[in-house]
Amino acid sequence: ATVRHDRTLPFVEELFAAGDVDKSGELDMGELRNLFKAASEQFPQLEAYARYLEETCKPDTSDDPRTAAIAQLFAKALDREQNAFKAAVRLTNERVGSRTVQKSSEAIAQELAEVDANSNMQLDFEEFK
């Protein structure tokens, strides 16, 4: 459901295993955010999901509030660098296919809500694929 795409389907099990860091058999939204963020280089279609989850599911830094500010600063700087690089690549390619068309935040939110069959804000393997 979430990663259903010709290019990602062969890797669904590997992606799910990589994202399920606590081995609970479900991906919480933080694990999903981290997985999509890490995998978006190899699977550009996951980038919009990673960006949406980055905005809506903030990391838990309750143990040290300073960590959130530092992490956010580095994340913004990294995003700027990645966006500049991607813009340069886009300019050299000058071709957009349906596979790289970006989804809106609303479309991503709707899709995530639809695949979370039991509405527990976690995706088991069946919901994930």
N, C-alpha and C. Protein backbone atom coordinates (compact mmCIF):
# COMPACT_ATOMS: atom_id res chain seq x y z
N ALA A 1 0.82 -1.19 0.00
CA ALA A 1 0.00 0.00 0.00
C ALA A 1 0.87 1.25 0.00
N THR A 2 1.77 1.39 0.96
CA THR A 2 2.58 2.60 1.06
C THR A 2 3.70 2.61 0.03
N VAL A 3 4.32 1.47 -0.21
CA VAL A 3 5.46 1.44 -1.12
C VAL A 3 5.11 0.73 -2.43
N ARG A 4 3.84 0.62 -2.74
CA ARG A 4 3.40 -0.09 -3.95
C ARG A 4 3.82 0.71 -5.17
N HIS A 5 4.85 0.26 -5.81
CA HIS A 5 5.40 0.92 -6.98
C HIS A 5 6.28 -0.11 -7.67
N ASP A 6 6.30 -0.12 -8.98
CA ASP A 6 7.06 -1.12 -9.73
C ASP A 6 8.49 -1.27 -9.24
N ARG A 7 9.11 -0.16 -8.93
CA ARG A 7 10.52 -0.18 -8.56
C ARG A 7 10.75 -0.61 -7.12
N THR A 8 9.79 -0.37 -6.24
CA THR A 8 10.00 -0.70 -4.82
C THR A 8 9.47 -2.07 -4.43
N LEU A 9 8.50 -2.61 -5.16
CA LEU A 9 7.89 -3.89 -4.78
C LEU A 9 8.91 -5.01 -4.54
N PRO A 10 9.93 -5.17 -5.38
CA PRO A 10 10.88 -6.25 -5.10
C PRO A 10 11.64 -6.08 -3.78
N PHE A 11 11.61 -4.87 -3.21
CA PHE A 11 12.39 -4.58 -2.01
C PHE A 11 11.53 -4.40 -0.76
N VAL A 12 10.24 -4.72 -0.85
CA VAL A 12 9.32 -4.45 0.25
C VAL A 12 9.79 -5.12 1.54
N GLU A 13 10.14 -6.40 1.48
CA GLU A 13 10.56 -7.09 2.70
C GLU A 13 11.82 -6.49 3.28
N GLU A 14 12.79 -6.17 2.41
CA GLU A 14 14.03 -5.56 2.89
C GLU A 14 13.77 -4.18 3.50
N LEU A 15 12.94 -3.39 2.84
CA LEU A 15 12.62 -2.06 3.36
C LEU A 15 11.92 -2.17 4.71
N PHE A 16 10.95 -3.05 4.81
CA PHE A 16 10.22 -3.20 6.07
C PHE A 16 11.17 -3.63 7.19
N ALA A 17 12.01 -4.61 6.92
CA ALA A 17 12.96 -5.09 7.93
C ALA A 17 13.92 -3.98 8.35
N ALA A 18 14.37 -3.19 7.39
CA ALA A 18 15.29 -2.08 7.71
C ALA A 18 14.59 -1.03 8.56
N GLY A 19 13.33 -0.78 8.29
CA GLY A 19 12.60 0.24 9.03
C GLY A 19 12.15 -0.19 10.41
N ASP A 20 11.93 -1.47 10.61
CA ASP A 20 11.42 -1.99 11.89
C ASP A 20 12.58 -2.18 12.87
N VAL A 21 13.15 -1.06 13.31
CA VAL A 21 14.35 -1.12 14.15
C VAL A 21 14.11 -1.77 15.51
N ASP A 22 12.90 -1.66 16.03
CA ASP A 22 12.64 -2.29 17.33
C ASP A 22 12.10 -3.71 17.20
N LYS A 23 12.01 -4.21 15.97
CA LYS A 23 11.57 -5.57 15.65
C LYS A 23 10.21 -5.91 16.25
N SER A 24 9.31 -4.92 16.25
CA SER A 24 7.97 -5.11 16.79
C SER A 24 7.02 -5.73 15.77
N GLY A 25 7.43 -5.76 14.52
CA GLY A 25 6.55 -6.25 13.47
C GLY A 25 5.65 -5.16 12.91
N GLU A 26 5.80 -3.94 13.40
CA GLU A 26 5.05 -2.78 12.91
C GLU A 26 5.99 -1.59 12.83
N LEU A 27 5.72 -0.72 11.88
CA LEU A 27 6.48 0.51 11.76
C LEU A 27 5.66 1.65 12.35
N ASP A 28 6.18 2.27 13.41
CA ASP A 28 5.49 3.47 13.89
C ASP A 28 5.85 4.61 12.94
N MET A 29 5.21 5.73 13.10
CA MET A 29 5.41 6.83 12.15
C MET A 29 6.84 7.35 12.17
N GLY A 30 7.51 7.27 13.32
CA GLY A 30 8.91 7.68 13.38
C GLY A 30 9.81 6.74 12.59
N GLU A 31 9.57 5.44 12.72
CA GLU A 31 10.34 4.46 11.96
C GLU A 31 10.07 4.62 10.46
N LEU A 32 8.82 4.86 10.12
CA LEU A 32 8.45 5.05 8.72
C LEU A 32 9.13 6.30 8.16
N ARG A 33 9.12 7.38 8.95
CA ARG A 33 9.78 8.62 8.54
C ARG A 33 11.27 8.36 8.28
N ASN A 34 11.93 7.71 9.20
CA ASN A 34 13.36 7.46 9.07
C ASN A 34 13.66 6.54 7.89
N LEU A 35 12.82 5.53 7.69
CA LEU A 35 13.00 4.62 6.57
C LEU A 35 12.86 5.35 5.24
N PHE A 36 11.78 6.11 5.09
CA PHE A 36 11.55 6.81 3.82
C PHE A 36 12.62 7.87 3.57
N LYS A 37 13.07 8.50 4.63
CA LYS A 37 14.12 9.51 4.48
C LYS A 37 15.41 8.85 3.99
N ALA A 38 15.76 7.72 4.59
CA ALA A 38 16.98 7.02 4.21
C ALA A 38 16.86 6.40 2.81
N ALA A 39 15.68 5.91 2.47
CA ALA A 39 15.50 5.20 1.19
C ALA A 39 15.17 6.14 0.03
N SER A 40 14.90 7.40 0.30
CA SER A 40 14.47 8.30 -0.78
C SER A 40 15.56 8.58 -1.80
N GLU A 41 16.80 8.39 -1.44
CA GLU A 41 17.89 8.54 -2.41
C GLU A 41 17.80 7.45 -3.48
N GLN A 42 17.56 6.22 -3.03
CA GLN A 42 17.46 5.10 -3.96
C GLN A 42 16.08 5.03 -4.61
N PHE A 43 15.05 5.45 -3.86
CA PHE A 43 13.67 5.41 -4.35
C PHE A 43 13.08 6.81 -4.25
N PRO A 44 13.29 7.65 -5.26
CA PRO A 44 12.85 9.05 -5.20
C PRO A 44 11.35 9.22 -4.96
N GLN A 45 10.55 8.23 -5.32
CA GLN A 45 9.11 8.32 -5.10
C GLN A 45 8.75 8.35 -3.61
N LEU A 46 9.68 7.98 -2.74
CA LEU A 46 9.43 8.01 -1.29
C LEU A 46 9.76 9.37 -0.68
N GLU A 47 10.38 10.24 -1.45
CA GLU A 47 10.82 11.53 -0.92
C GLU A 47 9.66 12.38 -0.39
N ALA A 48 8.56 12.43 -1.11
CA ALA A 48 7.41 13.23 -0.66
C ALA A 48 6.86 12.69 0.64
N TYR A 49 6.84 11.37 0.78
CA TYR A 49 6.38 10.76 2.04
C TYR A 49 7.33 11.11 3.18
N ALA A 50 8.62 11.03 2.91
CA ALA A 50 9.61 11.37 3.93
C ALA A 50 9.46 12.82 4.38
N ARG A 51 9.26 13.72 3.42
CA ARG A 51 9.09 15.14 3.74
C ARG A 51 7.82 15.36 4.56
N TYR A 52 6.72 14.70 4.15
CA TYR A 52 5.46 14.82 4.89
C TYR A 52 5.62 14.32 6.33
N LEU A 53 6.23 13.16 6.50
CA LEU A 53 6.40 12.59 7.84
C LEU A 53 7.38 13.41 8.67
N GLU A 54 8.36 14.02 8.01
CA GLU A 54 9.30 14.89 8.72
C GLU A 54 8.57 16.09 9.33
N GLU A 55 7.58 16.60 8.59
CA GLU A 55 6.82 17.76 9.06
C GLU A 55 5.79 17.39 10.12
N THR A 56 5.24 16.20 10.04
CA THR A 56 4.12 15.84 10.92
C THR A 56 4.50 14.94 12.09
N CYS A 57 5.60 14.22 12.00
CA CYS A 57 6.01 13.28 13.06
C CYS A 57 7.40 13.65 13.55
N LYS A 58 7.44 14.51 14.53
CA LYS A 58 8.73 14.97 15.05
C LYS A 58 9.36 13.90 15.92
N PRO A 59 10.70 13.78 15.89
CA PRO A 59 11.38 12.81 16.75
C PRO A 59 11.15 13.11 18.23
N ASP A 60 11.13 12.07 19.04
CA ASP A 60 10.96 12.23 20.49
C ASP A 60 12.29 12.63 21.10
N THR A 61 12.34 13.85 21.61
CA THR A 61 13.57 14.34 22.24
C THR A 61 13.24 14.84 23.64
N SER A 62 12.27 14.21 24.29
CA SER A 62 11.83 14.67 25.60
C SER A 62 12.92 14.56 26.66
N ASP A 63 13.90 13.69 26.43
CA ASP A 63 14.98 13.55 27.40
C ASP A 63 15.91 14.76 27.41
N ASP A 64 16.04 15.46 26.30
CA ASP A 64 16.88 16.65 26.22
C ASP A 64 16.33 17.57 25.15
N PRO A 65 15.61 18.61 25.53
CA PRO A 65 14.99 19.51 24.55
C PRO A 65 15.98 20.18 23.61
N ARG A 66 17.23 20.32 24.04
CA ARG A 66 18.24 20.94 23.17
C ARG A 66 18.50 20.08 21.94
N THR A 67 18.32 18.78 22.08
CA THR A 67 18.55 17.88 20.96
C THR A 67 17.64 18.20 19.80
N ALA A 68 16.39 18.53 20.09
CA ALA A 68 15.43 18.84 19.03
C ALA A 68 15.89 20.05 18.23
N ALA A 69 16.35 21.08 18.91
CA ALA A 69 16.79 22.29 18.21
C ALA A 69 18.01 22.01 17.34
N ILE A 70 18.95 21.25 17.86
CA ILE A 70 20.16 20.92 17.09
C ILE A 70 19.80 20.04 15.90
N ALA A 71 18.98 19.03 16.14
CA ALA A 71 18.57 18.13 15.06
C ALA A 71 17.83 18.89 13.98
N GLN A 72 16.98 19.81 14.38
CA GLN A 72 16.20 20.59 13.41
C GLN A 72 17.13 21.49 12.59
N LEU A 73 18.11 22.08 13.22
CA LEU A 73 19.08 22.93 12.52
C LEU A 73 19.84 22.13 11.46
N PHE A 74 20.35 20.96 11.85
CA PHE A 74 21.07 20.12 10.90
C PHE A 74 20.16 19.60 9.80
N ALA A 75 18.93 19.24 10.15
CA ALA A 75 17.98 18.74 9.15
C ALA A 75 17.68 19.81 8.10
N LYS A 76 17.50 21.04 8.54
CA LYS A 76 17.22 22.13 7.60
C LYS A 76 18.41 22.38 6.68
N ALA A 77 19.61 22.36 7.24
CA ALA A 77 20.80 22.57 6.43
C ALA A 77 20.98 21.44 5.42
N LEU A 78 20.76 20.22 5.87
CA LEU A 78 20.86 19.07 4.97
C LEU A 78 19.80 19.13 3.89
N ASP A 79 18.59 19.51 4.24
CA ASP A 79 17.52 19.64 3.26
C ASP A 79 17.87 20.67 2.19
N ARG A 80 18.43 21.81 2.62
CA ARG A 80 18.82 22.84 1.65
C ARG A 80 19.86 22.30 0.67
N GLU A 81 20.85 21.59 1.20
CA GLU A 81 21.90 21.02 0.35
C GLU A 81 21.31 19.98 -0.61
N GLN A 82 20.46 19.11 -0.10
CA GLN A 82 19.85 18.09 -0.95
C GLN A 82 18.96 18.71 -2.01
N ASN A 83 18.19 19.72 -1.64
CA ASN A 83 17.32 20.38 -2.60
C ASN A 83 18.12 21.07 -3.70
N ALA A 84 19.22 21.69 -3.33
CA ALA A 84 20.08 22.34 -4.34
C ALA A 84 20.65 21.30 -5.30
N PHE A 85 21.09 20.18 -4.76
CA PHE A 85 21.63 19.12 -5.61
C PHE A 85 20.55 18.56 -6.53
N LYS A 86 19.37 18.32 -6.00
CA LYS A 86 18.28 17.77 -6.80
C LYS A 86 17.84 18.75 -7.88
N ALA A 87 17.86 20.03 -7.57
CA ALA A 87 17.50 21.04 -8.57
C ALA A 87 18.52 21.01 -9.71
N ALA A 88 19.78 20.86 -9.37
CA ALA A 88 20.81 20.79 -10.40
C ALA A 88 20.63 19.55 -11.26
N VAL A 89 20.32 18.43 -10.64
CA VAL A 89 20.08 17.19 -11.39
C VAL A 89 18.87 17.34 -12.28
N ARG A 90 17.81 17.94 -11.76
CA ARG A 90 16.59 18.15 -12.57
C ARG A 90 16.89 19.01 -13.79
N LEU A 91 17.69 20.05 -13.59
CA LEU A 91 18.03 20.91 -14.72
C LEU A 91 18.80 20.16 -15.79
N THR A 92 19.64 19.23 -15.38
CA THR A 92 20.40 18.48 -16.38
C THR A 92 19.53 17.43 -17.06
N ASN A 93 18.55 16.90 -16.37
CA ASN A 93 17.68 15.87 -16.96
C ASN A 93 16.54 16.47 -17.77
N GLU A 94 15.93 17.54 -17.25
CA GLU A 94 14.83 18.22 -17.93
C GLU A 94 13.76 17.28 -18.45
N ARG A 95 13.50 16.24 -17.69
CA ARG A 95 12.45 15.31 -18.07
C ARG A 95 11.76 14.82 -16.81
N VAL A 96 10.45 14.98 -16.76
CA VAL A 96 9.69 14.54 -15.61
C VAL A 96 8.72 13.47 -16.06
N GLY A 97 8.78 12.31 -15.41
CA GLY A 97 7.85 11.24 -15.71
C GLY A 97 6.82 11.13 -14.62
N SER A 98 5.84 10.30 -14.84
CA SER A 98 4.78 10.13 -13.84
C SER A 98 5.33 9.52 -12.56
N ARG A 99 6.47 8.84 -12.63
CA ARG A 99 7.02 8.21 -11.44
C ARG A 99 7.63 9.24 -10.48
N THR A 100 7.98 10.42 -10.99
CA THR A 100 8.62 11.41 -10.13
C THR A 100 7.71 12.58 -9.79
N VAL A 101 6.47 12.53 -10.20
CA VAL A 101 5.53 13.59 -9.89
C VAL A 101 5.30 13.59 -8.37
N GLN A 102 5.45 14.75 -7.76
CA GLN A 102 5.32 14.87 -6.32
C GLN A 102 3.86 14.88 -5.88
N LYS A 103 3.57 14.20 -4.78
CA LYS A 103 2.22 14.20 -4.21
C LYS A 103 2.10 15.34 -3.22
N SER A 104 0.90 15.81 -3.04
CA SER A 104 0.66 16.86 -2.05
C SER A 104 0.63 16.25 -0.65
N SER A 105 0.80 17.09 0.37
CA SER A 105 0.72 16.63 1.76
C SER A 105 -0.63 16.01 2.06
N GLU A 106 -1.68 16.61 1.51
CA GLU A 106 -3.02 16.09 1.75
C GLU A 106 -3.18 14.69 1.16
N ALA A 107 -2.66 14.48 -0.04
CA ALA A 107 -2.75 13.17 -0.68
C ALA A 107 -1.97 12.13 0.09
N ILE A 108 -0.81 12.52 0.61
CA ILE A 108 0.01 11.59 1.40
C ILE A 108 -0.70 11.25 2.71
N ALA A 109 -1.25 12.26 3.39
CA ALA A 109 -1.98 12.02 4.64
C ALA A 109 -3.14 11.07 4.41
N GLN A 110 -3.88 11.29 3.33
CA GLN A 110 -5.02 10.44 3.00
C GLN A 110 -4.56 9.00 2.73
N GLU A 111 -3.49 8.86 1.97
CA GLU A 111 -2.99 7.53 1.64
C GLU A 111 -2.51 6.79 2.89
N LEU A 112 -1.78 7.49 3.77
CA LEU A 112 -1.32 6.85 5.00
C LEU A 112 -2.50 6.44 5.88
N ALA A 113 -3.52 7.27 5.95
CA ALA A 113 -4.71 6.93 6.74
C ALA A 113 -5.41 5.71 6.16
N GLU A 114 -5.46 5.61 4.84
CA GLU A 114 -6.12 4.48 4.19
C GLU A 114 -5.38 3.17 4.40
N VAL A 115 -4.05 3.20 4.39
CA VAL A 115 -3.31 1.95 4.55
C VAL A 115 -3.22 1.48 6.00
N ASP A 116 -3.39 2.39 6.94
CA ASP A 116 -3.37 2.03 8.37
C ASP A 116 -4.73 1.44 8.73
N ALA A 117 -4.96 0.18 8.34
CA ALA A 117 -6.28 -0.45 8.44
C ALA A 117 -6.86 -0.43 9.85
N ASN A 118 -6.01 -0.60 10.87
CA ASN A 118 -6.52 -0.63 12.24
C ASN A 118 -6.35 0.72 12.95
N SER A 119 -5.99 1.75 12.23
CA SER A 119 -5.89 3.12 12.74
C SER A 119 -5.09 3.25 14.03
N ASN A 120 -3.97 2.51 14.11
CA ASN A 120 -3.15 2.59 15.32
C ASN A 120 -1.86 3.39 15.11
N MET A 121 -1.78 4.10 13.97
CA MET A 121 -0.61 4.92 13.64
C MET A 121 0.66 4.08 13.53
N GLN A 122 0.51 2.79 13.22
CA GLN A 122 1.62 1.90 12.97
C GLN A 122 1.24 1.02 11.78
N LEU A 123 2.21 0.67 10.97
CA LEU A 123 1.95 -0.17 9.81
C LEU A 123 2.61 -1.52 10.00
N ASP A 124 1.81 -2.58 9.99
CA ASP A 124 2.41 -3.91 9.99
C ASP A 124 2.83 -4.21 8.55
N PHE A 125 3.44 -5.38 8.32
CA PHE A 125 3.99 -5.68 7.00
C PHE A 125 2.91 -5.64 5.92
N GLU A 126 1.74 -6.19 6.18
CA GLU A 126 0.68 -6.22 5.17
C GLU A 126 0.22 -4.80 4.82
N GLU A 127 0.10 -3.93 5.81
CA GLU A 127 -0.28 -2.54 5.54
C GLU A 127 0.83 -1.82 4.78
N PHE A 128 2.07 -2.15 5.12
CA PHE A 128 3.22 -1.49 4.53
C PHE A 128 3.35 -1.79 3.04
N LYS A 129 3.12 -3.05 2.66
CA LYS A 129 3.31 -3.40 1.25
C LYS A 129 2.10 -3.01 0.46
